[in-house]
C-alpha atoms as a PDB file:
ATOM      1  CA  UNK A   1     -25.125 -41.525 124.193  1.00  0.00           C
ATOM      2  CA  UNK A   2     -26.525 -38.023 123.741  1.00  0.00           C
ATOM      3  CA  UNK A   3     -25.644 -37.979 120.047  1.00  0.00           C
ATOM      4  CA  UNK A   4     -27.825 -41.032 119.482  1.00  0.00           C
ATOM      5  CA  UNK A   5     -30.609 -40.476 122.011  1.00  0.00           C
ATOM      6  CA  UNK A   6     -33.130 -38.524 119.933  1.00  0.00           C
ATOM      7  CA  UNK A   7     -35.696 -40.483 117.925  1.00  0.00           C
ATOM      8  CA  UNK A   8     -36.714 -38.913 114.607  1.00  0.00           C
ATOM      9  CA  UNK A   9     -40.163 -37.307 114.345  1.00  0.00           C
ATOM     10  CA  UNK A  10     -40.813 -39.731 111.478  1.00  0.00           C
ATOM     11  CA  UNK A  11     -39.964 -43.443 111.940  1.00  0.00           C
ATOM     12  CA  UNK A  12     -36.895 -44.627 110.037  1.00  0.00           C
ATOM     13  CA  UNK A  13     -38.985 -47.110 108.080  1.00  0.00           C
ATOM     14  CA  UNK A  14     -41.053 -44.235 106.683  1.00  0.00           C
ATOM     15  CA  UNK A  15     -38.000 -42.250 105.622  1.00  0.00           C
ATOM     16  CA  UNK A  16     -36.186 -45.190 104.053  1.00  0.00           C
ATOM     17  CA  UNK A  17     -37.149 -48.601 102.730  1.00  0.00           C
ATOM     18  CA  UNK A  18     -34.669 -51.340 103.553  1.00  0.00           C
ATOM     19  CA  UNK A  19     -34.151 -53.754 100.655  1.00  0.00           C
ATOM     20  CA  UNK A  20     -31.791 -56.745 100.279  1.00  0.00           C
ATOM     21  CA  UNK A  21     -28.737 -57.308 102.484  1.00  0.00           C
ATOM     22  CA  UNK A  22     -25.511 -56.634 100.603  1.00  0.00           C
ATOM     23  CA  UNK A  23     -22.890 -57.032 103.325  1.00  0.00           C
ATOM     24  CA  UNK A  24     -22.097 -58.047 106.871  1.00  0.00           C
ATOM     25  CA  UNK A  25     -19.625 -56.582 109.344  1.00  0.00           C
ATOM     26  CA  UNK A  26     -18.526 -56.798 112.960  1.00  0.00           C
ATOM     27  CA  UNK A  27     -21.331 -54.629 114.344  1.00  0.00           C
ATOM     28  CA  UNK A  28     -24.186 -55.343 111.962  1.00  0.00           C
ATOM     29  CA  UNK A  29     -25.323 -55.700 108.365  1.00  0.00           C
ATOM     30  CA  UNK A  30     -25.432 -53.416 105.340  1.00  0.00           C
ATOM     31  CA  UNK A  31     -28.555 -53.232 103.181  1.00  0.00           C
ATOM     32  CA  UNK A  32     -29.430 -51.667  99.880  1.00  0.00           C
ATOM     33  CA  UNK A  33     -32.145 -49.108 100.558  1.00  0.00           C
ATOM     34  CA  UNK A  34     -34.133 -46.287  99.041  1.00  0.00           C
ATOM     35  CA  UNK A  35     -34.910 -42.769 100.230  1.00  0.00           C
ATOM     36  CA  UNK A  36     -38.723 -42.776 100.086  1.00  0.00           C
ATOM     37  CA  UNK A  37     -38.883 -39.041  99.346  1.00  0.00           C
ATOM     38  CA  UNK A  38     -36.107 -38.575  96.781  1.00  0.00           C
ATOM     39  CA  UNK A  39     -36.050 -42.181  95.492  1.00  0.00           C
ATOM     40  CA  UNK A  40     -32.243 -42.121  95.785  1.00  0.00           C
ATOM     41  CA  UNK A  41     -30.662 -45.555  96.244  1.00  0.00           C
ATOM     42  CA  UNK A  42     -28.578 -45.637  99.428  1.00  0.00           C
ATOM     43  CA  UNK A  43     -26.699 -48.071 101.640  1.00  0.00           C
ATOM     44  CA  UNK A  44     -28.139 -48.588 105.122  1.00  0.00           C
ATOM     45  CA  UNK A  45     -25.744 -49.894 107.740  1.00  0.00           C
ATOM     46  CA  UNK A  46     -27.880 -51.306 110.568  1.00  0.00           C
ATOM     47  CA  UNK A  47     -26.085 -51.434 113.914  1.00  0.00           C
ATOM     48  CA  UNK A  48     -27.394 -52.977 117.127  1.00  0.00           C
ATOM     49  CA  UNK A  49     -27.096 -50.530 120.037  1.00  0.00           C
ATOM     50  CA  UNK A  50     -28.329 -53.113 122.561  1.00  0.00           C
ATOM     51  CA  UNK A  51     -24.730 -54.115 123.160  1.00  0.00           C
ATOM     52  CA  UNK A  52     -21.657 -53.355 125.266  1.00  0.00           C
ATOM     53  CA  UNK A  53     -21.043 -49.690 126.094  1.00  0.00           C
ATOM     54  CA  UNK A  54     -17.588 -49.908 124.522  1.00  0.00           C
ATOM     55  CA  UNK A  55     -19.191 -50.976 121.235  1.00  0.00           C
ATOM     56  CA  UNK A  56     -21.591 -48.015 121.370  1.00  0.00           C
ATOM     57  CA  UNK A  57     -18.633 -45.701 121.957  1.00  0.00           C
ATOM     58  CA  UNK A  58     -16.936 -47.159 118.877  1.00  0.00           C
ATOM     59  CA  UNK A  59     -20.110 -46.580 116.844  1.00  0.00           C
ATOM     60  CA  UNK A  60     -20.268 -42.951 117.994  1.00  0.00           C
ATOM     61  CA  UNK A  61     -16.628 -42.456 117.020  1.00  0.00           C
ATOM     62  CA  UNK A  62     -17.280 -43.947 113.574  1.00  0.00           C
ATOM     63  CA  UNK A  63     -20.246 -41.623 112.980  1.00  0.00           C
ATOM     64  CA  UNK A  64     -18.252 -38.594 114.129  1.00  0.00           C
ATOM     65  CA  UNK A  65     -15.383 -39.527 111.805  1.00  0.00           C
ATOM     66  CA  UNK A  66     -17.699 -40.174 108.853  1.00  0.00           C
ATOM     67  CA  UNK A  67     -19.344 -36.776 109.387  1.00  0.00           C
ATOM     68  CA  UNK A  68     -15.948 -35.085 109.447  1.00  0.00           C
ATOM     69  CA  UNK A  69     -14.769 -36.848 106.297  1.00  0.00           C
ATOM     70  CA  UNK A  70     -17.989 -36.099 104.407  1.00  0.00           C
ATOM     71  CA  UNK A  71     -17.974 -32.418 105.372  1.00  0.00           C
ATOM     72  CA  UNK A  72     -14.412 -32.216 104.123  1.00  0.00           C
ATOM     73  CA  UNK A  73     -15.506 -33.864 100.843  1.00  0.00           C
ATOM     74  CA  UNK A  74     -12.720 -36.369 101.225  1.00  0.00           C
ATOM     75  CA  UNK A  75     -11.482 -37.962  98.012  1.00  0.00           C
ATOM     76  CA  UNK A  76     -12.635 -41.542  97.396  1.00  0.00           C
ATOM     77  CA  UNK A  77     -14.217 -42.079 100.814  1.00  0.00           C
ATOM     78  CA  UNK A  78     -17.831 -43.297 100.978  1.00  0.00           C
ATOM     79  CA  UNK A  79     -20.140 -40.271 101.526  1.00  0.00           C
ATOM     80  CA  UNK A  80     -22.222 -40.296 104.720  1.00  0.00           C
ATOM     81  CA  UNK A  81     -25.766 -38.879 104.722  1.00  0.00           C
ATOM     82  CA  UNK A  82     -26.827 -39.174 108.356  1.00  0.00           C
ATOM     83  CA  UNK A  83     -28.029 -41.536 111.090  1.00  0.00           C
ATOM     84  CA  UNK A  84     -31.477 -42.474 112.362  1.00  0.00           C
ATOM     85  CA  UNK A  85     -32.279 -44.181 115.660  1.00  0.00           C
ATOM     86  CA  UNK A  86     -34.809 -46.990 115.158  1.00  0.00           C
ATOM     87  CA  UNK A  87     -35.599 -48.573 118.567  1.00  0.00           C
ATOM     88  CA  UNK A  88     -32.353 -50.370 119.573  1.00  0.00           C
ATOM     89  CA  UNK A  89     -31.017 -50.195 116.016  1.00  0.00           C
ATOM     90  CA  UNK A  90     -29.074 -47.365 114.442  1.00  0.00           C
ATOM     91  CA  UNK A  91     -29.449 -46.850 110.712  1.00  0.00           C
ATOM     92  CA  UNK A  92     -26.359 -45.218 109.190  1.00  0.00           C
ATOM     93  CA  UNK A  93     -27.252 -43.889 105.740  1.00  0.00           C
ATOM     94  CA  UNK A  94     -24.427 -43.833 103.213  1.00  0.00           C
ATOM     95  CA  UNK A  95     -23.784 -43.701  99.488  1.00  0.00           C
ATOM     96  CA  UNK A  96     -24.627 -46.946  97.682  1.00  0.00           C
ATOM     97  CA  UNK A  97     -21.799 -48.399  95.619  1.00  0.00           C
ATOM     98  CA  UNK A  98     -23.656 -50.517  93.071  1.00  0.00           C
ATOM     99  CA  UNK A  99     -20.532 -52.304  91.842  1.00  0.00           C
ATOM    100  CA  UNK A 100     -19.980 -53.932  95.223  1.00  0.00           C
ATOM    101  CA  UNK A 101     -16.735 -54.549  97.058  1.00  0.00           C
ATOM    102  CA  UNK A 102     -13.527 -55.511  95.291  1.00  0.00           C
ATOM    103  CA  UNK A 103     -13.571 -58.718  97.356  1.00  0.00           C
ATOM    104  CA  UNK A 104     -17.001 -59.614  96.001  1.00  0.00           C
ATOM    105  CA  UNK A 105     -15.932 -58.850  92.435  1.00  0.00           C
ATOM    106  CA  UNK A 106     -12.944 -61.167  92.955  1.00  0.00           C
ATOM    107  CA  UNK A 107     -15.318 -64.140  93.179  1.00  0.00           C
ATOM    108  CA  UNK A 108     -15.149 -64.143  89.378  1.00  0.00           C
ATOM    109  CA  UNK A 109     -11.349 -64.339  89.500  1.00  0.00           C
ATOM    110  CA  UNK A 110      -8.226 -62.431  90.580  1.00  0.00           C
ATOM    111  CA  UNK A 111      -7.749 -58.888  89.298  1.00  0.00           C
ATOM    112  CA  UNK A 112      -5.271 -58.172  86.524  1.00  0.00           C
ATOM    113  CA  UNK A 113      -2.462 -55.681  87.135  1.00  0.00           C
ATOM    114  CA  UNK A 114      -3.918 -52.995  84.849  1.00  0.00           C
ATOM    115  CA  UNK A 115      -7.076 -52.887  86.985  1.00  0.00           C
ATOM    116  CA  UNK A 116      -5.290 -53.353  90.319  1.00  0.00           C
ATOM    117  CA  UNK A 117      -3.107 -50.346  89.520  1.00  0.00           C
ATOM    118  CA  UNK A 118      -6.160 -48.098  88.989  1.00  0.00           C
ATOM    119  CA  UNK A 119      -7.864 -49.324  92.168  1.00  0.00           C
ATOM    120  CA  UNK A 120      -4.674 -48.838  94.174  1.00  0.00           C
ATOM    121  CA  UNK A 121      -4.150 -45.364  92.711  1.00  0.00           C
ATOM    122  CA  UNK A 122      -7.597 -44.303  93.902  1.00  0.00           C
ATOM    123  CA  UNK A 123      -7.147 -45.849  97.378  1.00  0.00           C
ATOM    124  CA  UNK A 124      -3.843 -43.985  97.732  1.00  0.00           C
ATOM    125  CA  UNK A 125      -5.676 -40.686  97.180  1.00  0.00           C
ATOM    126  CA  UNK A 126      -7.958 -41.551 100.100  1.00  0.00           C
ATOM    127  CA  UNK A 127      -5.056 -42.654 102.298  1.00  0.00           C
ATOM    128  CA  UNK A 128      -3.113 -39.493 101.504  1.00  0.00           C
ATOM    129  CA  UNK A 129      -6.011 -37.411 102.825  1.00  0.00           C
ATOM    130  CA  UNK A 130      -6.551 -39.604 105.902  1.00  0.00           C
ATOM    131  CA  UNK A 131      -2.906 -39.747 106.924  1.00  0.00           C
ATOM    132  CA  UNK A 132      -2.354 -36.011 106.492  1.00  0.00           C
ATOM    133  CA  UNK A 133      -5.287 -35.528 108.871  1.00  0.00           C
ATOM    134  CA  UNK A 134      -3.798 -37.969 111.400  1.00  0.00           C
ATOM    135  CA  UNK A 135      -6.368 -40.710 110.729  1.00  0.00           C
ATOM    136  CA  UNK A 136      -5.357 -44.367 110.482  1.00  0.00           C
ATOM    137  CA  UNK A 137      -7.938 -46.565 108.762  1.00  0.00           C
ATOM    138  CA  UNK A 138      -6.575 -49.793 110.328  1.00  0.00           C
ATOM    139  CA  UNK A 139      -8.615 -52.198 108.213  1.00  0.00           C
ATOM    140  CA  UNK A 140      -7.527 -51.806 104.597  1.00  0.00           C
ATOM    141  CA  UNK A 141      -8.507 -54.889 102.558  1.00  0.00           C
ATOM    142  CA  UNK A 142     -10.348 -55.672  99.324  1.00  0.00           C
ATOM    143  CA  UNK A 143     -13.634 -56.141 101.215  1.00  0.00           C
ATOM    144  CA  UNK A 144     -13.453 -52.486 102.344  1.00  0.00           C
ATOM    145  CA  UNK A 145     -12.893 -51.053  98.873  1.00  0.00           C
ATOM    146  CA  UNK A 146     -16.108 -50.400  96.941  1.00  0.00           C
ATOM    147  CA  UNK A 147     -16.817 -49.674  93.282  1.00  0.00           C
ATOM    148  CA  UNK A 148     -19.690 -47.532  92.081  1.00  0.00           C
ATOM    149  CA  UNK A 149     -21.569 -48.358  88.887  1.00  0.00           C
ATOM    150  CA  UNK A 150     -19.461 -45.708  87.107  1.00  0.00           C
ATOM    151  CA  UNK A 151     -16.199 -47.318  88.238  1.00  0.00           C
ATOM    152  CA  UNK A 152     -15.380 -44.862  91.010  1.00  0.00           C
ATOM    153  CA  UNK A 153     -13.467 -46.245  93.997  1.00  0.00           C
ATOM    154  CA  UNK A 154     -14.591 -45.700  97.591  1.00  0.00           C
ATOM    155  CA  UNK A 155     -12.779 -46.660 100.774  1.00  0.00           C
ATOM    156  CA  UNK A 156     -15.318 -47.700 103.402  1.00  0.00           C
ATOM    157  CA  UNK A 157     -15.795 -49.205 106.879  1.00  0.00           C
ATOM    158  CA  UNK A 158     -14.251 -46.840 109.402  1.00  0.00           C
ATOM    159  CA  UNK A 159     -15.474 -48.940 112.335  1.00  0.00           C
ATOM    160  CA  UNK A 160     -11.951 -49.408 113.691  1.00  0.00           C
ATOM    161  CA  UNK A 161     -10.347 -46.247 112.332  1.00  0.00           C
ATOM    162  CA  UNK A 162      -8.148 -44.438 114.809  1.00  0.00           C
ATOM    163  CA  UNK A 163      -7.600 -40.719 115.039  1.00  0.00           C
ATOM    164  CA  UNK A 164      -4.226 -39.744 116.406  1.00  0.00           C
ATOM    165  CA  UNK A 165      -3.437 -36.505 118.147  1.00  0.00           C
ATOM    166  CA  UNK A 166      -0.991 -34.051 116.655  1.00  0.00           C
ATOM    167  CA  UNK A 167       1.345 -34.562 119.598  1.00  0.00           C
ATOM    168  CA  UNK A 168       1.255 -38.344 119.465  1.00  0.00           C
ATOM    169  CA  UNK A 169       1.015 -39.900 116.015  1.00  0.00           C
ATOM    170  CA  UNK A 170       1.173 -43.439 117.389  1.00  0.00           C
ATOM    171  CA  UNK A 171      -1.436 -46.027 118.359  1.00  0.00           C
ATOM    172  CA  UNK A 172      -0.997 -49.269 120.266  1.00  0.00           C
ATOM    173  CA  UNK A 173      -4.455 -50.810 119.975  1.00  0.00           C
ATOM    174  CA  UNK A 174      -4.736 -54.322 118.574  1.00  0.00           C
ATOM    175  CA  UNK A 175      -7.427 -53.982 115.899  1.00  0.00           C
ATOM    176  CA  UNK A 176      -7.933 -54.851 112.261  1.00  0.00           C
ATOM    177  CA  UNK A 177      -8.147 -58.125 110.365  1.00  0.00           C
ATOM    178  CA  UNK A 178      -5.284 -60.586 111.018  1.00  0.00           C
ATOM    179  CA  UNK A 179      -4.221 -61.453 107.454  1.00  0.00           C
ATOM    180  CA  UNK A 180      -3.749 -57.791 106.545  1.00  0.00           C
ATOM    181  CA  UNK A 181      -2.160 -56.653 109.835  1.00  0.00           C
ATOM    182  CA  UNK A 182       1.278 -55.083 109.910  1.00  0.00           C
ATOM    183  CA  UNK A 183       3.854 -56.824 112.148  1.00  0.00           C
ATOM    184  CA  UNK A 184       4.105 -53.815 114.478  1.00  0.00           C
ATOM    185  CA  UNK A 185       0.336 -53.893 115.090  1.00  0.00           C
ATOM    186  CA  UNK A 186       0.613 -57.465 116.318  1.00  0.00           C
ATOM    187  CA  UNK A 187       3.810 -57.242 118.396  1.00  0.00           C
ATOM    188  CA  UNK A 188       3.108 -56.902 122.090  1.00  0.00           C
ATOM    189  CA  UNK A 189       4.069 -53.521 123.459  1.00  0.00           C
ATOM    190  CA  UNK A 190       4.861 -52.075 120.045  1.00  0.00           C
ATOM    191  CA  UNK A 191       3.341 -48.815 118.892  1.00  0.00           C
ATOM    192  CA  UNK A 192       2.439 -48.002 115.305  1.00  0.00           C
ATOM    193  CA  UNK A 193       1.399 -45.138 113.084  1.00  0.00           C
ATOM    194  CA  UNK A 194      -0.182 -44.603 109.662  1.00  0.00           C
ATOM    195  CA  UNK A 195       2.479 -46.792 108.047  1.00  0.00           C
ATOM    196  CA  UNK A 196       0.412 -49.763 109.288  1.00  0.00           C
ATOM    197  CA  UNK A 197      -2.121 -48.827 106.589  1.00  0.00           C
ATOM    198  CA  UNK A 198       0.641 -48.931 103.984  1.00  0.00           C
ATOM    199  CA  UNK A 199       1.474 -52.533 104.937  1.00  0.00           C
ATOM    200  CA  UNK A 200      -2.227 -53.443 104.729  1.00  0.00           C
ATOM    201  CA  UNK A 201      -2.409 -51.822 101.293  1.00  0.00           C
ATOM    202  CA  UNK A 202       0.514 -53.957 100.107  1.00  0.00           C
ATOM    203  CA  UNK A 203      -1.267 -57.081 101.354  1.00  0.00           C
ATOM    204  CA  UNK A 204      -4.452 -55.900  99.619  1.00  0.00           C
ATOM    205  CA  UNK A 205      -2.677 -55.512  96.281  1.00  0.00           C
ATOM    206  CA  UNK A 206      -1.262 -59.022  96.760  1.00  0.00           C
ATOM    207  CA  UNK A 207      -4.795 -60.217  97.553  1.00  0.00           C
ATOM    208  CA  UNK A 208      -6.242 -58.651  94.393  1.00  0.00           C
ATOM    209  CA  UNK A 209      -3.592 -60.200  92.139  1.00  0.00           C
ATOM    210  CA  UNK A 210      -3.325 -63.668  93.744  1.00  0.00           C
ATOM    211  CA  UNK A 211      -6.925 -64.055  94.910  1.00  0.00           C
ATOM    212  CA  UNK A 212      -6.275 -64.219  98.655  1.00  0.00           C
ATOM    213  CA  UNK A 213      -3.943 -62.558 101.164  1.00  0.00           C
ATOM    214  CA  UNK A 214      -0.835 -64.464 102.268  1.00  0.00           C
ATOM    215  CA  UNK A 215      -1.500 -67.110 104.966  1.00  0.00           C
ATOM    216  CA  UNK A 216      -5.200 -67.253 104.007  1.00  0.00           C
ATOM    217  CA  UNK A 217      -4.942 -71.052 104.256  1.00  0.00           C
ATOM    218  CA  UNK A 218      -4.151 -70.952 107.995  1.00  0.00           C
ATOM    219  CA  UNK A 219      -6.354 -70.127 110.978  1.00  0.00           C
ATOM    220  CA  UNK A 220      -6.532 -66.359 111.754  1.00  0.00           C
ATOM    221  CA  UNK A 221      -4.924 -66.744 115.178  1.00  0.00           C
ATOM    222  CA  UNK A 222      -2.135 -68.821 113.644  1.00  0.00           C
ATOM    223  CA  UNK A 223      -1.611 -66.000 111.150  1.00  0.00           C
ATOM    224  CA  UNK A 224      -1.251 -63.556 114.057  1.00  0.00           C
ATOM    225  CA  UNK A 225       1.657 -65.661 115.339  1.00  0.00           C
ATOM    226  CA  UNK A 226       3.306 -66.100 111.937  1.00  0.00           C
ATOM    227  CA  UNK A 227       3.162 -62.552 110.535  1.00  0.00           C
ATOM    228  CA  UNK A 228       5.743 -60.968 112.917  1.00  0.00           C
ATOM    229  CA  UNK A 229       8.033 -64.012 112.649  1.00  0.00           C
ATOM    230  CA  UNK A 230       8.182 -64.515 108.884  1.00  0.00           C
ATOM    231  CA  UNK A 231       9.716 -62.505 106.077  1.00  0.00           C
ATOM    232  CA  UNK A 232       7.334 -60.219 104.171  1.00  0.00           C
ATOM    233  CA  UNK A 233       5.584 -61.944 101.262  1.00  0.00           C
ATOM    234  CA  UNK A 234       6.828 -61.285  97.732  1.00  0.00           C
ATOM    235  CA  UNK A 235       5.500 -61.798  94.218  1.00  0.00           C
ATOM    236  CA  UNK A 236       7.062 -64.369  91.887  1.00  0.00           C
ATOM    237  CA  UNK A 237       8.534 -63.723  88.448  1.00  0.00           C
ATOM    238  CA  UNK A 238       5.185 -64.309  86.748  1.00  0.00           C
ATOM    239  CA  UNK A 239       4.336 -60.716  87.653  1.00  0.00           C
ATOM    240  CA  UNK A 240       5.773 -57.405  86.481  1.00  0.00           C
ATOM    241  CA  UNK A 241       8.774 -55.775  88.088  1.00  0.00           C
ATOM    242  CA  UNK A 242       6.629 -52.685  88.675  1.00  0.00           C
ATOM    243  CA  UNK A 243       4.141 -54.685  90.755  1.00  0.00           C
ATOM    244  CA  UNK A 244       6.857 -56.515  92.683  1.00  0.00           C
ATOM    245  CA  UNK A 245       8.638 -53.250  93.498  1.00  0.00           C
ATOM    246  CA  UNK A 246       5.389 -51.614  94.664  1.00  0.00           C
ATOM    247  CA  UNK A 247       4.523 -54.447  97.028  1.00  0.00           C
ATOM    248  CA  UNK A 248       8.086 -54.523  98.318  1.00  0.00           C
ATOM    249  CA  UNK A 249       7.848 -50.784  99.056  1.00  0.00           C
ATOM    250  CA  UNK A 250       4.721 -51.413 101.150  1.00  0.00           C
ATOM    251  CA  UNK A 251       5.841 -54.575 102.924  1.00  0.00           C
ATOM    252  CA  UNK A 252       9.032 -53.385 104.616  1.00  0.00           C
ATOM    253  CA  UNK A 253       9.455 -54.883 108.088  1.00  0.00           C
ATOM    254  CA  UNK A 254      10.604 -51.524 109.453  1.00  0.00           C
ATOM    255  CA  UNK A 255       7.713 -49.052 109.077  1.00  0.00           C
ATOM    256  CA  UNK A 256      10.216 -46.221 108.599  1.00  0.00           C
ATOM    257  CA  UNK A 257      11.358 -47.879 105.373  1.00  0.00           C
ATOM    258  CA  UNK A 258       7.848 -47.935 103.864  1.00  0.00           C
ATOM    259  CA  UNK A 259       6.920 -45.207 101.427  1.00  0.00           C
ATOM    260  CA  UNK A 260       4.000 -42.950 102.321  1.00  0.00           C
ATOM    261  CA  UNK A 261       0.894 -42.595 100.137  1.00  0.00           C
ATOM    262  CA  UNK A 262       2.209 -39.624  98.148  1.00  0.00           C
ATOM    263  CA  UNK A 263       5.530 -41.375  97.505  1.00  0.00           C
ATOM    264  CA  UNK A 264       3.753 -44.541  96.389  1.00  0.00           C
ATOM    265  CA  UNK A 265       1.789 -42.463  93.873  1.00  0.00           C
ATOM    266  CA  UNK A 266       5.121 -41.799  92.130  1.00  0.00           C
ATOM    267  CA  UNK A 267       6.052 -45.476  91.705  1.00  0.00           C
ATOM    268  CA  UNK A 268       6.076 -47.039  88.238  1.00  0.00           C
ATOM    269  CA  UNK A 269       3.193 -49.360  89.125  1.00  0.00           C
ATOM    270  CA  UNK A 270       0.905 -46.388  89.804  1.00  0.00           C
ATOM    271  CA  UNK A 271       2.298 -44.060  87.146  1.00  0.00           C
ATOM    272  CA  UNK A 272       1.604 -46.769  84.557  1.00  0.00           C
ATOM    273  CA  UNK A 273      -2.113 -46.115  85.067  1.00  0.00           C
ATOM    274  CA  UNK A 274      -2.014 -42.323  85.358  1.00  0.00           C
ATOM    275  CA  UNK A 275      -3.817 -41.886  82.026  1.00  0.00           C
ATOM    276  CA  UNK A 276      -6.199 -44.805  82.553  1.00  0.00           C
ATOM    277  CA  UNK A 277      -9.726 -43.618  83.399  1.00  0.00           C
ATOM    278  CA  UNK A 278     -11.567 -45.076  86.385  1.00  0.00           C
ATOM    279  CA  UNK A 279     -14.325 -46.145  84.002  1.00  0.00           C
ATOM    280  CA  UNK A 280     -12.161 -49.099  82.966  1.00  0.00           C
ATOM    281  CA  UNK A 281     -13.158 -50.702  86.286  1.00  0.00           C
ATOM    282  CA  UNK A 282     -16.653 -51.198  84.891  1.00  0.00           C
ATOM    283  CA  UNK A 283     -15.112 -54.134  83.018  1.00  0.00           C
ATOM    284  CA  UNK A 284     -14.561 -55.868  86.367  1.00  0.00           C
ATOM    285  CA  UNK A 285     -18.164 -55.253  87.386  1.00  0.00           C
ATOM    286  CA  UNK A 286     -19.424 -56.631  84.062  1.00  0.00           C
ATOM    287  CA  UNK A 287     -17.196 -59.710  84.428  1.00  0.00           C
ATOM    288  CA  UNK A 288     -18.563 -60.392  87.896  1.00  0.00           C
ATOM    289  CA  UNK A 289     -22.180 -59.941  86.780  1.00  0.00           C
ATOM    290  CA  UNK A 290     -21.612 -62.391  83.918  1.00  0.00           C
ATOM    291  CA  UNK A 291     -19.997 -64.868  86.311  1.00  0.00           C
ATOM    292  CA  UNK A 292     -22.807 -64.517  88.840  1.00  0.00           C
ATOM    293  CA  UNK A 293     -25.433 -65.156  86.180  1.00  0.00           C
ATOM    294  CA  UNK A 294     -23.684 -67.984  84.356  1.00  0.00           C
ATOM    295  CA  UNK A 295     -21.502 -69.932  86.762  1.00  0.00           C
ATOM    296  CA  UNK A 296     -23.509 -72.820  88.188  1.00  0.00           C
ATOM    297  CA  UNK A 297     -20.986 -73.447  90.964  1.00  0.00           C
ATOM    298  CA  UNK A 298     -20.664 -69.857  92.125  1.00  0.00           C
ATOM    299  CA  UNK A 299     -22.521 -70.453  95.379  1.00  0.00           C
ATOM    300  CA  UNK A 300     -20.046 -73.122  96.439  1.00  0.00           C
ATOM    301  CA  UNK A 301     -17.018 -71.100  95.313  1.00  0.00           C
ATOM    302  CA  UNK A 302     -18.165 -67.907  97.042  1.00  0.00           C
ATOM    303  CA  UNK A 303     -18.175 -69.459 100.515  1.00  0.00           C
ATOM    304  CA  UNK A 304     -14.409 -68.900 100.926  1.00  0.00           C
ATOM    305  CA  UNK A 305     -14.612 -65.336  99.630  1.00  0.00           C
ATOM    306  CA  UNK A 306     -17.514 -64.445 101.937  1.00  0.00           C
ATOM    307  CA  UNK A 307     -15.665 -65.953 104.890  1.00  0.00           C
ATOM    308  CA  UNK A 308     -12.586 -63.818 104.287  1.00  0.00           C
ATOM    309  CA  UNK A 309     -14.707 -60.698 103.703  1.00  0.00           C
ATOM    310  CA  UNK A 310     -16.229 -61.013 107.167  1.00  0.00           C
ATOM    311  CA  UNK A 311     -12.894 -61.392 108.948  1.00  0.00           C
END
């Protein structure tokens, strides 16, 4: 734990002020915070290091990967500013996306195709960079896609990301969130590569349009059993041919038949939004803010959305 063993000369609480909690993940919670010196608003991911050694190893890997991605100025990936050890807690300081996650924004309703196309276009730019650098995200879902106040898209949460070697571009670790998992990730003894992210992206687009991923009504472990045994989900005729073709290109049972990120950028669903500025996504943020302020039943309705976000 050498990378995490040094305490800062100044306590973390003096460098940053932790404000309200804005998210919760497998290893800890995410808070809105402020840099006390610069007054910059940041996100503070607070992780508990008083845990299993394997978990600490995973945390170290995530920090190393975030540092690498930030130094490379990766497109549409949440910028990382550094980490501070605070007793048995590690504060990971990152860019604050004021618009919140796409999953949170979906509490005010599913996302129309014209917005989903822009979000997907921006996520594909991030995936193109990751996959060309032999990195598999392994947990693509609406809860891990953030919007800034300006409408920029950021892919976040690299807690289970896997880095493959150049000689072996395959992984066989069972990680991710069940509803979004590719069949080959679930199958015992099967190996998988970056095409698993492409499947998860297809499920995420489905989730944005419909409101939930397929099989959301069943228990997660039941979903694990069903996904490799059932045909890939499809969209009905109420949706455009462009959308249906895009999802079909992502949700091929054979990973070799799935298009890669650069190829998906050339599909009609994505090309239809090529001239649409990211700023249009501010409409989704405004819709959610209106819903949050005016819908008297939003607390009851958000329970399902929060539950899926944490899975």
